[in-house]
C-alpha atoms as a PDB file:
ATOM      1  CA  UNK A   1       8.883  42.508-103.363  1.00  0.00           C
ATOM      2  CA  UNK A   2      11.312  40.611-105.154  1.00  0.00           C
ATOM      3  CA  UNK A   3      15.172  41.415-104.584  1.00  0.00           C
ATOM      4  CA  UNK A   4      16.718  38.749-106.867  1.00  0.00           C
ATOM      5  CA  UNK A   5      16.963  37.083-110.193  1.00  0.00           C
ATOM      6  CA  UNK A   6      15.466  33.394-109.892  1.00  0.00           C
ATOM      7  CA  UNK A   7      17.681  30.665-110.722  1.00  0.00           C
ATOM      8  CA  UNK A   8      16.710  26.710-111.087  1.00  0.00           C
ATOM      9  CA  UNK A   9      19.514  24.608-110.315  1.00  0.00           C
ATOM     10  CA  UNK A  10      18.818  20.886-111.769  1.00  0.00           C
ATOM     11  CA  UNK A  11      21.155  18.640-109.550  1.00  0.00           C
ATOM     12  CA  UNK A  12      23.412  15.975-111.228  1.00  0.00           C
ATOM     13  CA  UNK A  13      22.029  12.827-112.078  1.00  0.00           C
ATOM     14  CA  UNK A  14      24.446  11.084-109.223  1.00  0.00           C
ATOM     15  CA  UNK A  15      24.771  13.317-106.005  1.00  0.00           C
ATOM     16  CA  UNK A  16      28.481  13.577-103.896  1.00  0.00           C
ATOM     17  CA  UNK A  17      28.266  11.686-100.496  1.00  0.00           C
ATOM     18  CA  UNK A  18      31.216  10.324 -98.173  1.00  0.00           C
ATOM     19  CA  UNK A  19      33.480   8.049 -98.555  1.00  0.00           C
ATOM     20  CA  UNK A  20      34.087   9.255-102.358  1.00  0.00           C
ATOM     21  CA  UNK A  21      36.849  10.845-103.205  1.00  0.00           C
ATOM     22  CA  UNK A  22      37.016  14.396-104.941  1.00  0.00           C
ATOM     23  CA  UNK A  23      39.476  16.206-107.436  1.00  0.00           C
ATOM     24  CA  UNK A  24      39.565  19.560-108.362  1.00  0.00           C
ATOM     25  CA  UNK A  25      41.566  21.259-111.042  1.00  0.00           C
ATOM     26  CA  UNK A  26      41.435  25.198-112.100  1.00  0.00           C
ATOM     27  CA  UNK A  27      41.361  28.981-111.294  1.00  0.00           C
ATOM     28  CA  UNK A  28      41.463  30.142-107.512  1.00  0.00           C
ATOM     29  CA  UNK A  29      37.763  30.080-107.525  1.00  0.00           C
ATOM     30  CA  UNK A  30      38.011  26.447-107.214  1.00  0.00           C
ATOM     31  CA  UNK A  31      39.608  26.653-103.749  1.00  0.00           C
ATOM     32  CA  UNK A  32      36.399  28.064-102.624  1.00  0.00           C
ATOM     33  CA  UNK A  33      34.640  25.125-103.300  1.00  0.00           C
ATOM     34  CA  UNK A  34      37.121  22.576-102.801  1.00  0.00           C
ATOM     35  CA  UNK A  35      38.350  23.929 -99.303  1.00  0.00           C
ATOM     36  CA  UNK A  36      34.472  23.991 -98.253  1.00  0.00           C
ATOM     37  CA  UNK A  37      34.016  20.478 -98.666  1.00  0.00           C
ATOM     38  CA  UNK A  38      37.667  19.991 -96.961  1.00  0.00           C
ATOM     39  CA  UNK A  39      36.604  21.507 -93.921  1.00  0.00           C
ATOM     40  CA  UNK A  40      33.105  19.110 -93.986  1.00  0.00           C
ATOM     41  CA  UNK A  41      35.652  16.090 -94.286  1.00  0.00           C
ATOM     42  CA  UNK A  42      35.157  14.980 -97.752  1.00  0.00           C
ATOM     43  CA  UNK A  43      38.257  13.375 -99.156  1.00  0.00           C
ATOM     44  CA  UNK A  44      39.853  16.081-101.598  1.00  0.00           C
ATOM     45  CA  UNK A  45      42.475  17.182-103.416  1.00  0.00           C
ATOM     46  CA  UNK A  46      43.153  20.447-104.480  1.00  0.00           C
ATOM     47  CA  UNK A  47      45.061  21.682-107.696  1.00  0.00           C
ATOM     48  CA  UNK A  48      48.243  19.376-107.396  1.00  0.00           C
ATOM     49  CA  UNK A  49      49.570  22.244-109.624  1.00  0.00           C
ATOM     50  CA  UNK A  50      48.285  24.504-108.046  1.00  0.00           C
ATOM     51  CA  UNK A  51      45.889  27.514-109.488  1.00  0.00           C
ATOM     52  CA  UNK A  52      45.559  27.427-113.135  1.00  0.00           C
ATOM     53  CA  UNK A  53      43.327  29.574-115.196  1.00  0.00           C
ATOM     54  CA  UNK A  54      43.264  28.532-118.711  1.00  0.00           C
ATOM     55  CA  UNK A  55      42.301  25.068-120.209  1.00  0.00           C
ATOM     56  CA  UNK A  56      45.191  24.406-121.986  1.00  0.00           C
ATOM     57  CA  UNK A  57      46.916  24.606-118.276  1.00  0.00           C
ATOM     58  CA  UNK A  58      43.832  22.498-116.825  1.00  0.00           C
ATOM     59  CA  UNK A  59      43.931  19.763-119.857  1.00  0.00           C
ATOM     60  CA  UNK A  60      47.751  19.436-119.728  1.00  0.00           C
ATOM     61  CA  UNK A  61      47.245  18.863-115.755  1.00  0.00           C
ATOM     62  CA  UNK A  62      44.553  16.139-115.692  1.00  0.00           C
ATOM     63  CA  UNK A  63      46.253  14.261-118.464  1.00  0.00           C
ATOM     64  CA  UNK A  64      49.466  14.449-116.441  1.00  0.00           C
ATOM     65  CA  UNK A  65      47.953  13.304-113.754  1.00  0.00           C
ATOM     66  CA  UNK A  66      46.393   9.955-115.670  1.00  0.00           C
ATOM     67  CA  UNK A  67      49.492   9.832-117.916  1.00  0.00           C
ATOM     68  CA  UNK A  68      51.794   9.255-114.117  1.00  0.00           C
ATOM     69  CA  UNK A  69      53.907  12.034-115.689  1.00  0.00           C
ATOM     70  CA  UNK A  70      57.211  12.357-114.154  1.00  0.00           C
ATOM     71  CA  UNK A  71      59.047  16.050-114.590  1.00  0.00           C
ATOM     72  CA  UNK A  72      62.786  16.020-114.926  1.00  0.00           C
ATOM     73  CA  UNK A  73      65.128  18.797-114.492  1.00  0.00           C
ATOM     74  CA  UNK A  74      65.496  19.908-118.060  1.00  0.00           C
ATOM     75  CA  UNK A  75      62.118  20.722-117.753  1.00  0.00           C
ATOM     76  CA  UNK A  76      62.608  23.419-114.849  1.00  0.00           C
ATOM     77  CA  UNK A  77      63.996  27.207-115.559  1.00  0.00           C
ATOM     78  CA  UNK A  78      66.230  29.066-113.881  1.00  0.00           C
ATOM     79  CA  UNK A  79      64.533  32.975-112.903  1.00  0.00           C
ATOM     80  CA  UNK A  80      65.587  35.236-110.219  1.00  0.00           C
ATOM     81  CA  UNK A  81      67.602  33.017-107.911  1.00  0.00           C
ATOM     82  CA  UNK A  82      64.636  30.599-108.054  1.00  0.00           C
ATOM     83  CA  UNK A  83      64.140  27.556-110.290  1.00  0.00           C
ATOM     84  CA  UNK A  84      60.341  27.600-112.117  1.00  0.00           C
ATOM     85  CA  UNK A  85      57.897  25.326-114.104  1.00  0.00           C
ATOM     86  CA  UNK A  86      56.270  26.486-116.756  1.00  0.00           C
ATOM     87  CA  UNK A  87      53.574  24.231-115.788  1.00  0.00           C
ATOM     88  CA  UNK A  88      52.707  24.622-112.448  1.00  0.00           C
ATOM     89  CA  UNK A  89      52.018  27.706-109.800  1.00  0.00           C
ATOM     90  CA  UNK A  90      54.881  29.500-108.239  1.00  0.00           C
ATOM     91  CA  UNK A  91      54.148  27.792-104.502  1.00  0.00           C
ATOM     92  CA  UNK A  92      56.163  24.977-106.564  1.00  0.00           C
ATOM     93  CA  UNK A  93      59.183  27.285-106.968  1.00  0.00           C
ATOM     94  CA  UNK A  94      62.432  26.874-105.253  1.00  0.00           C
ATOM     95  CA  UNK A  95      65.875  28.339-104.837  1.00  0.00           C
ATOM     96  CA  UNK A  96      67.114  24.903-104.913  1.00  0.00           C
ATOM     97  CA  UNK A  97      66.516  23.252-108.372  1.00  0.00           C
ATOM     98  CA  UNK A  98      66.246  19.285-106.539  1.00  0.00           C
ATOM     99  CA  UNK A  99      63.545  20.623-104.369  1.00  0.00           C
ATOM    100  CA  UNK A 100      61.866  22.220-106.631  1.00  0.00           C
ATOM    101  CA  UNK A 101      61.522  19.156-108.702  1.00  0.00           C
ATOM    102  CA  UNK A 102      61.312  17.073-105.592  1.00  0.00           C
ATOM    103  CA  UNK A 103      57.815  18.872-104.818  1.00  0.00           C
ATOM    104  CA  UNK A 104      56.600  18.647-108.299  1.00  0.00           C
ATOM    105  CA  UNK A 105      57.075  14.766-108.879  1.00  0.00           C
ATOM    106  CA  UNK A 106      55.445  14.143-105.232  1.00  0.00           C
ATOM    107  CA  UNK A 107      52.703  16.091-106.423  1.00  0.00           C
ATOM    108  CA  UNK A 108      52.162  14.371-109.773  1.00  0.00           C
ATOM    109  CA  UNK A 109      52.458  11.007-107.508  1.00  0.00           C
ATOM    110  CA  UNK A 110      49.908  11.516-105.262  1.00  0.00           C
ATOM    111  CA  UNK A 111      47.679  13.404-107.501  1.00  0.00           C
ATOM    112  CA  UNK A 112      47.994   9.949-110.204  1.00  0.00           C
ATOM    113  CA  UNK A 113      47.450   7.661-106.856  1.00  0.00           C
ATOM    114  CA  UNK A 114      44.497   9.674-106.039  1.00  0.00           C
ATOM    115  CA  UNK A 115      43.165  10.288-109.770  1.00  0.00           C
ATOM    116  CA  UNK A 116      42.780   6.554-110.173  1.00  0.00           C
ATOM    117  CA  UNK A 117      40.944   6.271-107.407  1.00  0.00           C
ATOM    118  CA  UNK A 118      38.843   9.538-108.440  1.00  0.00           C
ATOM    119  CA  UNK A 119      34.697   9.272-107.907  1.00  0.00           C
ATOM    120  CA  UNK A 120      34.464  12.713-109.062  1.00  0.00           C
ATOM    121  CA  UNK A 121      36.875  15.805-110.847  1.00  0.00           C
ATOM    122  CA  UNK A 122      35.667  19.314-110.807  1.00  0.00           C
ATOM    123  CA  UNK A 123      36.794  21.701-112.734  1.00  0.00           C
ATOM    124  CA  UNK A 124      36.708  25.387-112.668  1.00  0.00           C
ATOM    125  CA  UNK A 125      37.633  27.357-115.911  1.00  0.00           C
ATOM    126  CA  UNK A 126      38.648  30.817-115.368  1.00  0.00           C
ATOM    127  CA  UNK A 127      39.600  32.343-119.043  1.00  0.00           C
ATOM    128  CA  UNK A 128      40.184  31.505-122.544  1.00  0.00           C
ATOM    129  CA  UNK A 129      43.372  33.330-122.695  1.00  0.00           C
ATOM    130  CA  UNK A 130      46.595  31.413-123.077  1.00  0.00           C
ATOM    131  CA  UNK A 131      50.165  32.411-123.087  1.00  0.00           C
ATOM    132  CA  UNK A 132      53.206  31.103-125.260  1.00  0.00           C
ATOM    133  CA  UNK A 133      57.180  31.527-125.254  1.00  0.00           C
ATOM    134  CA  UNK A 134      58.012  33.831-127.559  1.00  0.00           C
ATOM    135  CA  UNK A 135      62.003  33.677-129.448  1.00  0.00           C
ATOM    136  CA  UNK A 136      63.040  35.772-126.076  1.00  0.00           C
ATOM    137  CA  UNK A 137      62.456  33.085-123.389  1.00  0.00           C
ATOM    138  CA  UNK A 138      64.828  31.326-125.347  1.00  0.00           C
ATOM    139  CA  UNK A 139      67.031  32.518-122.807  1.00  0.00           C
ATOM    140  CA  UNK A 140      65.647  29.753-120.289  1.00  0.00           C
ATOM    141  CA  UNK A 141      66.351  27.446-122.392  1.00  0.00           C
ATOM    142  CA  UNK A 142      62.633  26.158-123.478  1.00  0.00           C
ATOM    143  CA  UNK A 143      60.889  26.065-126.581  1.00  0.00           C
ATOM    144  CA  UNK A 144      59.530  28.847-128.813  1.00  0.00           C
ATOM    145  CA  UNK A 145      55.622  27.902-128.641  1.00  0.00           C
ATOM    146  CA  UNK A 146      55.719  26.397-125.265  1.00  0.00           C
ATOM    147  CA  UNK A 147      52.588  26.744-123.592  1.00  0.00           C
ATOM    148  CA  UNK A 148      52.948  28.032-120.074  1.00  0.00           C
ATOM    149  CA  UNK A 149      50.648  27.970-116.757  1.00  0.00           C
ATOM    150  CA  UNK A 150      52.087  30.565-115.140  1.00  0.00           C
ATOM    151  CA  UNK A 151      54.424  33.412-116.017  1.00  0.00           C
ATOM    152  CA  UNK A 152      56.190  33.601-112.508  1.00  0.00           C
ATOM    153  CA  UNK A 153      56.639  37.284-113.665  1.00  0.00           C
ATOM    154  CA  UNK A 154      59.151  37.181-116.005  1.00  0.00           C
ATOM    155  CA  UNK A 155      59.689  39.573-118.752  1.00  0.00           C
ATOM    156  CA  UNK A 156      56.339  40.235-121.178  1.00  0.00           C
ATOM    157  CA  UNK A 157      58.242  40.201-123.935  1.00  0.00           C
ATOM    158  CA  UNK A 158      58.729  36.183-122.879  1.00  0.00           C
ATOM    159  CA  UNK A 159      55.144  35.811-124.076  1.00  0.00           C
ATOM    160  CA  UNK A 160      52.755  35.728-126.717  1.00  0.00           C
ATOM    161  CA  UNK A 161      48.748  36.313-125.612  1.00  0.00           C
ATOM    162  CA  UNK A 162      46.263  34.728-127.560  1.00  0.00           C
ATOM    163  CA  UNK A 163      42.158  34.032-127.283  1.00  0.00           C
ATOM    164  CA  UNK A 164      41.873  30.549-127.719  1.00  0.00           C
ATOM    165  CA  UNK A 165      39.184  29.474-130.504  1.00  0.00           C
ATOM    166  CA  UNK A 166      36.090  27.490-129.243  1.00  0.00           C
ATOM    167  CA  UNK A 167      36.968  24.970-131.230  1.00  0.00           C
ATOM    168  CA  UNK A 168      40.482  24.342-129.626  1.00  0.00           C
ATOM    169  CA  UNK A 169      38.819  24.628-126.265  1.00  0.00           C
ATOM    170  CA  UNK A 170      36.092  21.608-127.093  1.00  0.00           C
ATOM    171  CA  UNK A 171      39.155  19.553-128.527  1.00  0.00           C
ATOM    172  CA  UNK A 172      41.301  20.013-125.245  1.00  0.00           C
ATOM    173  CA  UNK A 173      38.549  19.386-122.809  1.00  0.00           C
ATOM    174  CA  UNK A 174      36.893  16.496-125.083  1.00  0.00           C
ATOM    175  CA  UNK A 175      40.302  14.639-125.152  1.00  0.00           C
ATOM    176  CA  UNK A 176      40.861  15.256-121.526  1.00  0.00           C
ATOM    177  CA  UNK A 177      37.301  14.141-120.367  1.00  0.00           C
ATOM    178  CA  UNK A 178      37.361  11.447-122.013  1.00  0.00           C
ATOM    179  CA  UNK A 179      40.943   9.954-121.001  1.00  0.00           C
ATOM    180  CA  UNK A 180      39.357  10.544-117.490  1.00  0.00           C
ATOM    181  CA  UNK A 181      36.507   8.445-118.416  1.00  0.00           C
ATOM    182  CA  UNK A 182      38.521   5.943-119.532  1.00  0.00           C
ATOM    183  CA  UNK A 183      40.344   5.417-116.626  1.00  0.00           C
ATOM    184  CA  UNK A 184      37.618   5.905-114.157  1.00  0.00           C
ATOM    185  CA  UNK A 185      34.193   4.893-116.499  1.00  0.00           C
ATOM    186  CA  UNK A 186      32.058   5.218-113.190  1.00  0.00           C
ATOM    187  CA  UNK A 187      32.872   8.387-112.060  1.00  0.00           C
ATOM    188  CA  UNK A 188      31.726  11.707-113.108  1.00  0.00           C
ATOM    189  CA  UNK A 189      32.954  15.850-114.043  1.00  0.00           C
ATOM    190  CA  UNK A 190      31.607  18.494-112.768  1.00  0.00           C
ATOM    191  CA  UNK A 191      32.546  21.597-114.405  1.00  0.00           C
ATOM    192  CA  UNK A 192      32.169  25.711-113.325  1.00  0.00           C
ATOM    193  CA  UNK A 193      33.001  29.004-114.611  1.00  0.00           C
ATOM    194  CA  UNK A 194      34.743  31.065-112.232  1.00  0.00           C
ATOM    195  CA  UNK A 195      33.076  34.238-111.741  1.00  0.00           C
ATOM    196  CA  UNK A 196      36.183  36.110-110.955  1.00  0.00           C
ATOM    197  CA  UNK A 197      36.276  39.277-113.565  1.00  0.00           C
ATOM    198  CA  UNK A 198      39.554  38.980-115.667  1.00  0.00           C
ATOM    199  CA  UNK A 199      39.947  43.111-115.358  1.00  0.00           C
ATOM    200  CA  UNK A 200      44.041  43.069-116.516  1.00  0.00           C
ATOM    201  CA  UNK A 201      42.878  41.370-119.710  1.00  0.00           C
ATOM    202  CA  UNK A 202      40.162  44.334-120.482  1.00  0.00           C
ATOM    203  CA  UNK A 203      36.582  44.265-119.314  1.00  0.00           C
ATOM    204  CA  UNK A 204      35.694  43.770-122.908  1.00  0.00           C
ATOM    205  CA  UNK A 205      37.998  41.132-123.218  1.00  0.00           C
ATOM    206  CA  UNK A 206      37.012  39.370-120.323  1.00  0.00           C
ATOM    207  CA  UNK A 207      33.813  38.916-121.925  1.00  0.00           C
ATOM    208  CA  UNK A 208      34.616  37.360-124.899  1.00  0.00           C
ATOM    209  CA  UNK A 209      36.642  35.327-123.264  1.00  0.00           C
ATOM    210  CA  UNK A 210      34.148  33.933-120.977  1.00  0.00           C
ATOM    211  CA  UNK A 211      31.782  33.792-123.760  1.00  0.00           C
ATOM    212  CA  UNK A 212      34.186  30.890-125.503  1.00  0.00           C
ATOM    213  CA  UNK A 213      34.306  29.108-122.120  1.00  0.00           C
ATOM    214  CA  UNK A 214      30.139  28.672-122.227  1.00  0.00           C
ATOM    215  CA  UNK A 215      29.925  28.172-126.018  1.00  0.00           C
ATOM    216  CA  UNK A 216      32.759  25.513-125.577  1.00  0.00           C
ATOM    217  CA  UNK A 217      31.171  23.829-123.131  1.00  0.00           C
ATOM    218  CA  UNK A 218      27.432  24.003-125.319  1.00  0.00           C
ATOM    219  CA  UNK A 219      29.535  22.327-127.866  1.00  0.00           C
ATOM    220  CA  UNK A 220      30.632  19.719-125.212  1.00  0.00           C
ATOM    221  CA  UNK A 221      26.547  19.348-123.922  1.00  0.00           C
ATOM    222  CA  UNK A 222      25.744  18.556-127.876  1.00  0.00           C
ATOM    223  CA  UNK A 223      28.866  16.038-128.359  1.00  0.00           C
ATOM    224  CA  UNK A 224      27.656  14.263-126.017  1.00  0.00           C
ATOM    225  CA  UNK A 225      30.223  14.146-123.665  1.00  0.00           C
ATOM    226  CA  UNK A 226      29.168  13.782-120.387  1.00  0.00           C
ATOM    227  CA  UNK A 227      29.695  16.651-117.109  1.00  0.00           C
ATOM    228  CA  UNK A 228      27.273  18.704-115.116  1.00  0.00           C
ATOM    229  CA  UNK A 229      27.437  22.177-114.791  1.00  0.00           C
ATOM    230  CA  UNK A 230      26.679  23.845-112.038  1.00  0.00           C
ATOM    231  CA  UNK A 231      26.168  27.553-112.074  1.00  0.00           C
ATOM    232  CA  UNK A 232      28.736  29.059-110.139  1.00  0.00           C
ATOM    233  CA  UNK A 233      29.383  32.327-112.276  1.00  0.00           C
ATOM    234  CA  UNK A 234      25.541  32.732-112.699  1.00  0.00           C
ATOM    235  CA  UNK A 235      24.806  32.853-108.653  1.00  0.00           C
ATOM    236  CA  UNK A 236      27.658  35.324-108.392  1.00  0.00           C
ATOM    237  CA  UNK A 237      27.306  38.060-111.651  1.00  0.00           C
ATOM    238  CA  UNK A 238      23.443  37.522-112.096  1.00  0.00           C
ATOM    239  CA  UNK A 239      21.443  36.259-108.612  1.00  0.00           C
ATOM    240  CA  UNK A 240      23.779  38.253-106.523  1.00  0.00           C
ATOM    241  CA  UNK A 241      24.519  41.000-109.117  1.00  0.00           C
ATOM    242  CA  UNK A 242      26.696  43.869-106.430  1.00  0.00           C
ATOM    243  CA  UNK A 243      29.866  45.418-105.744  1.00  0.00           C
ATOM    244  CA  UNK A 244      28.712  44.288-102.278  1.00  0.00           C
ATOM    245  CA  UNK A 245      29.974  40.660-102.728  1.00  0.00           C
ATOM    246  CA  UNK A 246      32.548  41.670-104.181  1.00  0.00           C
ATOM    247  CA  UNK A 247      36.269  42.106-102.445  1.00  0.00           C
ATOM    248  CA  UNK A 248      38.225  45.225-102.366  1.00  0.00           C
ATOM    249  CA  UNK A 249      40.085  44.854-106.001  1.00  0.00           C
ATOM    250  CA  UNK A 250      36.337  44.624-106.945  1.00  0.00           C
ATOM    251  CA  UNK A 251      36.794  41.429-109.176  1.00  0.00           C
ATOM    252  CA  UNK A 252      37.127  38.733-106.863  1.00  0.00           C
ATOM    253  CA  UNK A 253      34.272  37.476-104.825  1.00  0.00           C
ATOM    254  CA  UNK A 254      34.234  38.286-101.142  1.00  0.00           C
ATOM    255  CA  UNK A 255      33.564  35.619 -98.377  1.00  0.00           C
ATOM    256  CA  UNK A 256      29.714  36.299 -98.306  1.00  0.00           C
ATOM    257  CA  UNK A 257      29.704  35.577-101.586  1.00  0.00           C
ATOM    258  CA  UNK A 258      31.772  32.245-101.934  1.00  0.00           C
ATOM    259  CA  UNK A 259      29.857  31.277 -99.226  1.00  0.00           C
ATOM    260  CA  UNK A 260      26.452  31.707-100.688  1.00  0.00           C
ATOM    261  CA  UNK A 261      28.014  29.359-103.614  1.00  0.00           C
ATOM    262  CA  UNK A 262      29.254  26.706-101.114  1.00  0.00           C
ATOM    263  CA  UNK A 263      26.104  27.086 -99.954  1.00  0.00           C
ATOM    264  CA  UNK A 264      24.359  26.368-103.127  1.00  0.00           C
ATOM    265  CA  UNK A 265      26.773  23.947-104.526  1.00  0.00           C
ATOM    266  CA  UNK A 266      26.227  21.646-100.876  1.00  0.00           C
ATOM    267  CA  UNK A 267      22.319  21.780-101.344  1.00  0.00           C
ATOM    268  CA  UNK A 268      21.879  20.685-105.062  1.00  0.00           C
ATOM    269  CA  UNK A 269      25.170  18.605-105.191  1.00  0.00           C
ATOM    270  CA  UNK A 270      25.291  16.958-101.728  1.00  0.00           C
ATOM    271  CA  UNK A 271      23.289  13.439-101.045  1.00  0.00           C
ATOM    272  CA  UNK A 272      20.728  13.582 -98.401  1.00  0.00           C
ATOM    273  CA  UNK A 273      22.309  11.351 -96.353  1.00  0.00           C
ATOM    274  CA  UNK A 274      25.755  13.539 -96.091  1.00  0.00           C
ATOM    275  CA  UNK A 275      24.252  16.930 -95.515  1.00  0.00           C
ATOM    276  CA  UNK A 276      23.101  16.041 -91.937  1.00  0.00           C
ATOM    277  CA  UNK A 277      26.591  14.423 -91.024  1.00  0.00           C
ATOM    278  CA  UNK A 278      27.928  17.741 -92.983  1.00  0.00           C
ATOM    279  CA  UNK A 279      25.929  19.770 -90.287  1.00  0.00           C
ATOM    280  CA  UNK A 280      27.123  18.125 -87.489  1.00  0.00           C
ATOM    281  CA  UNK A 281      30.962  17.836 -88.779  1.00  0.00           C
ATOM    282  CA  UNK A 282      30.299  22.022 -89.429  1.00  0.00           C
ATOM    283  CA  UNK A 283      29.732  22.367 -85.704  1.00  0.00           C
ATOM    284  CA  UNK A 284      32.960  20.153 -84.261  1.00  0.00           C
ATOM    285  CA  UNK A 285      34.983  23.027 -86.801  1.00  0.00           C
ATOM    286  CA  UNK A 286      33.036  25.999 -85.205  1.00  0.00           C
ATOM    287  CA  UNK A 287      33.827  24.684 -81.827  1.00  0.00           C
ATOM    288  CA  UNK A 288      37.662  24.223 -82.422  1.00  0.00           C
ATOM    289  CA  UNK A 289      37.635  27.797 -83.720  1.00  0.00           C
ATOM    290  CA  UNK A 290      35.733  28.773 -80.338  1.00  0.00           C
ATOM    291  CA  UNK A 291      38.012  30.618 -77.817  1.00  0.00           C
ATOM    292  CA  UNK A 292      36.280  31.039 -74.692  1.00  0.00           C
ATOM    293  CA  UNK A 293      36.507  33.866 -72.181  1.00  0.00           C
ATOM    294  CA  UNK A 294      37.186  31.635 -69.550  1.00  0.00           C
ATOM    295  CA  UNK A 295      38.994  28.509 -70.570  1.00  0.00           C
ATOM    296  CA  UNK A 296      39.869  27.006 -67.176  1.00  0.00           C
ATOM    297  CA  UNK A 297      36.080  27.013 -66.296  1.00  0.00           C
ATOM    298  CA  UNK A 298      33.415  23.787 -65.358  1.00  0.00           C
ATOM    299  CA  UNK A 299      30.987  25.011 -68.231  1.00  0.00           C
ATOM    300  CA  UNK A 300      33.857  25.059 -71.037  1.00  0.00           C
ATOM    301  CA  UNK A 301      35.171  21.706 -70.073  1.00  0.00           C
ATOM    302  CA  UNK A 302      31.752  20.141 -70.990  1.00  0.00           C
ATOM    303  CA  UNK A 303      31.696  22.144 -73.954  1.00  0.00           C
ATOM    304  CA  UNK A 304      34.977  20.393 -74.493  1.00  0.00           C
ATOM    305  CA  UNK A 305      33.539  16.718 -73.519  1.00  0.00           C
ATOM    306  CA  UNK A 306      30.279  17.425 -75.620  1.00  0.00           C
ATOM    307  CA  UNK A 307      32.270  17.804 -78.353  1.00  0.00           C
ATOM    308  CA  UNK A 308      34.568  15.031 -77.810  1.00  0.00           C
ATOM    309  CA  UNK A 309      32.069  12.605 -77.574  1.00  0.00           C
ATOM    310  CA  UNK A 310      30.102  13.783 -80.587  1.00  0.00           C
ATOM    311  CA  UNK A 311      33.256  13.383 -82.334  1.00  0.00           C
ATOM    312  CA  UNK A 312      33.687  10.037 -81.232  1.00  0.00           C
ATOM    313  CA  UNK A 313      29.840   9.584 -81.930  1.00  0.00           C
ATOM    314  CA  UNK A 314      30.577  10.948 -86.063  1.00  0.00           C
ATOM    315  CA  UNK A 315      33.845   8.666 -86.261  1.00  0.00           C
ATOM    316  CA  UNK A 316      32.160   5.426 -85.089  1.00  0.00           C
ATOM    317  CA  UNK A 317      28.754   5.741 -87.662  1.00  0.00           C
ATOM    318  CA  UNK A 318      30.615   7.214 -90.550  1.00  0.00           C
ATOM    319  CA  UNK A 319      34.786   5.305 -90.227  1.00  0.00           C
ATOM    320  CA  UNK A 320      35.481   6.480 -94.140  1.00  0.00           C
ATOM    321  CA  UNK A 321      35.294  10.102 -92.757  1.00  0.00           C
ATOM    322  CA  UNK A 322      38.754  11.181 -91.260  1.00  0.00           C
ATOM    323  CA  UNK A 323      37.830  12.411 -87.670  1.00  0.00           C
ATOM    324  CA  UNK A 324      41.570  12.320 -86.296  1.00  0.00           C
ATOM    325  CA  UNK A 325      42.297  15.738 -85.849  1.00  0.00           C
ATOM    326  CA  UNK A 326      39.293  16.747 -84.244  1.00  0.00           C
ATOM    327  CA  UNK A 327      39.587  13.399 -81.539  1.00  0.00           C
ATOM    328  CA  UNK A 328      42.935  14.479 -80.785  1.00  0.00           C
ATOM    329  CA  UNK A 329      42.131  18.347 -80.454  1.00  0.00           C
ATOM    330  CA  UNK A 330      39.417  17.950 -77.728  1.00  0.00           C
ATOM    331  CA  UNK A 331      40.919  14.740 -76.439  1.00  0.00           C
ATOM    332  CA  UNK A 332      44.257  17.151 -75.233  1.00  0.00           C
ATOM    333  CA  UNK A 333      41.532  20.058 -74.836  1.00  0.00           C
ATOM    334  CA  UNK A 334      39.660  17.804 -71.900  1.00  0.00           C
ATOM    335  CA  UNK A 335      42.547  16.832 -70.051  1.00  0.00           C
ATOM    336  CA  UNK A 336      44.888  19.710 -70.290  1.00  0.00           C
ATOM    337  CA  UNK A 337      41.533  22.070 -68.592  1.00  0.00           C
ATOM    338  CA  UNK A 338      40.147  18.906 -66.362  1.00  0.00           C
END
């Protein structure tokens, strides 16, 4: 008996390999893929602005990295005893204005340096809704109509909410993608749509929002803007298709679901040369997490030595992979247990 709908995933014409640099921008689901790749020691930079959901915020961020934008003090606003940026996640917010601005511009500089050498740009879109500042937000000394990436729990009256049209989304993505290709003509773009349901918008509204993203990507393809679409949304919503694969809030995919998507991504998007290396690195990661019942035994010492030797071997064979953390861990653990 067949328990799941089959899905055919076509791999991109070029596959990801070790030594390449991968910039990921977008929703919280971006970070599931990014964290998985980072754990396997791919060269990854995730969400320099923090988590972003809409195409307007995502494209603004990508363009700012390309343009080497530096934020000015007047672009911050003060709310509830902290300084914030409308373009950034609250992880950058700080009670000290200078520290807030310093963290933002450090991230901008890092992102600019990374994107100048990026081989891959992975974008995860979450929603077609966007938020703009109203006249009420003038209290924060910002322009009416300015787009907002994060509301920072400011009063609802400060924002107007609108559903971007398909043509607006196409224009935003096309402009941003072509800007990236002008900077990195040999690079590749991967786009996914987050399977997270934005239930606060309403389920009907969420479906309309996702539908506009799908249609916009279809139109981009018809306009021959090159990118590869990876079906993260379909894998969760159509293949797994069960609340067992969702967190307690019933909208976020749980570990089993995100791990399944990551395994599919690895299978279809990583090069055949990279897969066995990734498996060896996974062994090191699991070994570092291992907590022995009897850490002072010869058996555990041998376990540590074996994995230190494996880390040394991999580092020697693949110097482009940074295994310093693993080498240091197993070296120190071996010394302390000798």
